C-alpha atoms as a PDB file:
ATOM      1  CA  UNK A   1     126.339 110.273  40.109  1.00  0.00           C
ATOM      2  CA  UNK A   2     123.716 109.484  42.935  1.00  0.00           C
ATOM      3  CA  UNK A   3     120.536 111.006  43.481  1.00  0.00           C
ATOM      4  CA  UNK A   4     117.183 110.514  45.597  1.00  0.00           C
ATOM      5  CA  UNK A   5     114.607 108.414  44.030  1.00  0.00           C
ATOM      6  CA  UNK A   6     112.319 111.356  43.368  1.00  0.00           C
ATOM      7  CA  UNK A   7     115.053 112.992  41.374  1.00  0.00           C
ATOM      8  CA  UNK A   8     114.739 111.692  37.827  1.00  0.00           C
ATOM      9  CA  UNK A   9     117.514 112.499  35.591  1.00  0.00           C
ATOM     10  CA  UNK A  10     116.085 111.246  32.312  1.00  0.00           C
ATOM     11  CA  UNK A  11     117.137 114.519  31.267  1.00  0.00           C
ATOM     12  CA  UNK A  12     120.173 112.616  30.243  1.00  0.00           C
ATOM     13  CA  UNK A  13     119.055 111.589  27.168  1.00  0.00           C
ATOM     14  CA  UNK A  14     120.708 111.971  23.927  1.00  0.00           C
ATOM     15  CA  UNK A  15     118.796 115.162  22.914  1.00  0.00           C
ATOM     16  CA  UNK A  16     119.394 116.690  25.883  1.00  0.00           C
ATOM     17  CA  UNK A  17     122.936 115.678  26.269  1.00  0.00           C
ATOM     18  CA  UNK A  18     123.274 118.037  22.925  1.00  0.00           C
ATOM     19  CA  UNK A  19     121.372 120.816  24.428  1.00  0.00           C
ATOM     20  CA  UNK A  20     122.674 120.768  27.649  1.00  0.00           C
ATOM     21  CA  UNK A  21     126.157 120.589  26.612  1.00  0.00           C
ATOM     22  CA  UNK A  22     126.579 117.131  28.786  1.00  0.00           C
ATOM     23  CA  UNK A  23     127.798 115.360  25.499  1.00  0.00           C
ATOM     24  CA  UNK A  24     131.045 117.066  25.668  1.00  0.00           C
ATOM     25  CA  UNK A  25     131.376 115.597  29.147  1.00  0.00           C
ATOM     26  CA  UNK A  26     130.079 112.263  28.221  1.00  0.00           C
ATOM     27  CA  UNK A  27     132.585 112.115  25.482  1.00  0.00           C
ATOM     28  CA  UNK A  28     135.532 113.527  27.170  1.00  0.00           C
ATOM     29  CA  UNK A  29     137.980 110.420  27.106  1.00  0.00           C
ATOM     30  CA  UNK A  30     139.381 111.123  30.753  1.00  0.00           C
ATOM     31  CA  UNK A  31     135.470 110.906  32.178  1.00  0.00           C
ATOM     32  CA  UNK A  32     133.966 107.775  34.302  1.00  0.00           C
ATOM     33  CA  UNK A  33     130.745 107.512  35.122  1.00  0.00           C
ATOM     34  CA  UNK A  34     129.450 105.695  38.065  1.00  0.00           C
ATOM     35  CA  UNK A  35     125.738 105.393  38.630  1.00  0.00           C
ATOM     36  CA  UNK A  36     124.583 103.659  41.794  1.00  0.00           C
ATOM     37  CA  UNK A  37     121.191 105.865  41.803  1.00  0.00           C
ATOM     38  CA  UNK A  38     118.664 105.002  39.583  1.00  0.00           C
ATOM     39  CA  UNK A  39     118.926 103.053  36.195  1.00  0.00           C
ATOM     40  CA  UNK A  40     116.745 106.027  34.336  1.00  0.00           C
ATOM     41  CA  UNK A  41     119.263 108.439  35.670  1.00  0.00           C
ATOM     42  CA  UNK A  42     121.370 107.559  32.468  1.00  0.00           C
ATOM     43  CA  UNK A  43     120.021 106.766  29.027  1.00  0.00           C
ATOM     44  CA  UNK A  44     121.732 103.610  28.352  1.00  0.00           C
ATOM     45  CA  UNK A  45     122.057 104.176  24.188  1.00  0.00           C
ATOM     46  CA  UNK A  46     124.184 107.493  24.570  1.00  0.00           C
ATOM     47  CA  UNK A  47     126.251 106.076  27.404  1.00  0.00           C
ATOM     48  CA  UNK A  48     127.334 103.046  25.015  1.00  0.00           C
ATOM     49  CA  UNK A  49     127.643 105.145  22.156  1.00  0.00           C
ATOM     50  CA  UNK A  50     129.457 107.484  23.899  1.00  0.00           C
ATOM     51  CA  UNK A  51     133.638 107.508  24.112  1.00  0.00           C
ATOM     52  CA  UNK A  52     134.441 107.944  27.975  1.00  0.00           C
ATOM     53  CA  UNK A  53     136.843 106.487  29.622  1.00  0.00           C
ATOM     54  CA  UNK A  54     134.754 104.139  31.694  1.00  0.00           C
ATOM     55  CA  UNK A  55     131.636 103.044  33.677  1.00  0.00           C
ATOM     56  CA  UNK A  56     130.580 101.447  36.758  1.00  0.00           C
ATOM     57  CA  UNK A  57     127.013 100.770  37.394  1.00  0.00           C
ATOM     58  CA  UNK A  58     125.039  98.663  39.795  1.00  0.00           C
ATOM     59  CA  UNK A  59     121.819  99.870  38.123  1.00  0.00           C
ATOM     60  CA  UNK A  60     120.234  99.784  34.896  1.00  0.00           C
ATOM     61  CA  UNK A  61     117.507 101.823  32.787  1.00  0.00           C
ATOM     62  CA  UNK A  62     114.349  99.069  32.465  1.00  0.00           C
ATOM     63  CA  UNK A  63     116.013  96.871  34.950  1.00  0.00           C
ATOM     64  CA  UNK A  64     116.494  94.116  35.147  1.00  0.00           C
ATOM     65  CA  UNK A  65     116.638  93.815  31.572  1.00  0.00           C
ATOM     66  CA  UNK A  66     120.026  94.854  30.328  1.00  0.00           C
ATOM     67  CA  UNK A  67     120.423  96.949  27.276  1.00  0.00           C
ATOM     68  CA  UNK A  68     122.681  94.143  25.318  1.00  0.00           C
ATOM     69  CA  UNK A  69     125.544  96.932  24.307  1.00  0.00           C
ATOM     70  CA  UNK A  70     126.857  97.280  27.847  1.00  0.00           C
ATOM     71  CA  UNK A  71     127.740  93.256  27.406  1.00  0.00           C
ATOM     72  CA  UNK A  72     130.469  94.470  24.643  1.00  0.00           C
ATOM     73  CA  UNK A  73     132.007  97.334  26.830  1.00  0.00           C
ATOM     74  CA  UNK A  74     135.621  96.473  27.821  1.00  0.00           C
ATOM     75  CA  UNK A  75     135.622  99.856  29.678  1.00  0.00           C
ATOM     76  CA  UNK A  76     132.487  99.208  31.856  1.00  0.00           C
ATOM     77  CA  UNK A  77     131.887  97.404  35.108  1.00  0.00           C
ATOM     78  CA  UNK A  78     128.571  96.095  35.561  1.00  0.00           C
ATOM     79  CA  UNK A  79     127.237  94.910  39.001  1.00  0.00           C
ATOM     80  CA  UNK A  80     123.479  93.522  40.407  1.00  0.00           C
ATOM     81  CA  UNK A  81     121.778  96.524  42.283  1.00  0.00           C
ATOM     82  CA  UNK A  82     123.788  95.945  45.977  1.00  0.00           C
ATOM     83  CA  UNK A  83     122.710  99.294  47.053  1.00  0.00           C
ATOM     84  CA  UNK A  84     121.218  98.084  50.145  1.00  0.00           C
ATOM     85  CA  UNK A  85     122.747  94.819  50.621  1.00  0.00           C
ATOM     86  CA  UNK A  86     124.727  95.427  53.926  1.00  0.00           C
ATOM     87  CA  UNK A  87     123.439  93.774  57.519  1.00  0.00           C
ATOM     88  CA  UNK A  88     122.821  97.083  59.028  1.00  0.00           C
ATOM     89  CA  UNK A  89     120.929  98.463  55.963  1.00  0.00           C
ATOM     90  CA  UNK A  90     118.621  95.383  55.797  1.00  0.00           C
ATOM     91  CA  UNK A  91     118.091  95.454  59.626  1.00  0.00           C
ATOM     92  CA  UNK A  92     116.936  98.770  59.458  1.00  0.00           C
ATOM     93  CA  UNK A  93     115.003  97.858  56.474  1.00  0.00           C
ATOM     94  CA  UNK A  94     113.335  95.564  58.558  1.00  0.00           C
ATOM     95  CA  UNK A  95     112.846  97.533  61.723  1.00  0.00           C
ATOM     96  CA  UNK A  96     111.158 100.254  59.809  1.00  0.00           C
ATOM     97  CA  UNK A  97     108.670  97.739  58.669  1.00  0.00           C
ATOM     98  CA  UNK A  98     107.850  96.852  62.028  1.00  0.00           C
ATOM     99  CA  UNK A  99     107.485 100.290  63.213  1.00  0.00           C
ATOM    100  CA  UNK A 100     104.926 100.979  60.168  1.00  0.00           C
ATOM    101  CA  UNK A 101     103.037  97.887  61.144  1.00  0.00           C
ATOM    102  CA  UNK A 102     102.629  98.886  64.329  1.00  0.00           C
ATOM    103  CA  UNK A 103     101.760 102.309  64.076  1.00  0.00           C
ATOM    104  CA  UNK A 104      98.893 100.730  61.478  1.00  0.00           C
ATOM    105  CA  UNK A 105      97.317  98.170  63.606  1.00  0.00           C
ATOM    106  CA  UNK A 106      97.480 100.709  66.570  1.00  0.00           C
ATOM    107  CA  UNK A 107      95.573 103.455  64.288  1.00  0.00           C
ATOM    108  CA  UNK A 108      98.425 106.074  64.177  1.00  0.00           C
ATOM    109  CA  UNK A 109      99.990 107.730  61.436  1.00  0.00           C
ATOM    110  CA  UNK A 110     102.551 106.018  59.358  1.00  0.00           C
ATOM    111  CA  UNK A 111     105.887 107.029  59.801  1.00  0.00           C
ATOM    112  CA  UNK A 112     106.762 106.463  56.615  1.00  0.00           C
ATOM    113  CA  UNK A 113     103.610 106.875  54.391  1.00  0.00           C
ATOM    114  CA  UNK A 114     103.707 106.730  50.671  1.00  0.00           C
ATOM    115  CA  UNK A 115     100.925 108.590  48.822  1.00  0.00           C
END
């Protein structure tokens, strides 16, 4: 599962799992969930209580606080958030900041304005 930051799948909550039929998927013994998108994409208790083959997570709901239930899961691999931890990505982020600062001080529209 991967999604953009504006996409919020807090819809995958316990009640929604039942109403949208995703509960059957999460309780499928052969299912693996990999979440590198956003922590609030998956309801932690629903994942912890579900019976799935495994999970790979590098983002967590209520990050940096980790739901203690994850620590007892033998079928989960937990990593710190490493999504942008490459030299190329960090260099691009630095360059992006520089371009925006130059535009700001030159009185131009910011290329990556956040509103």
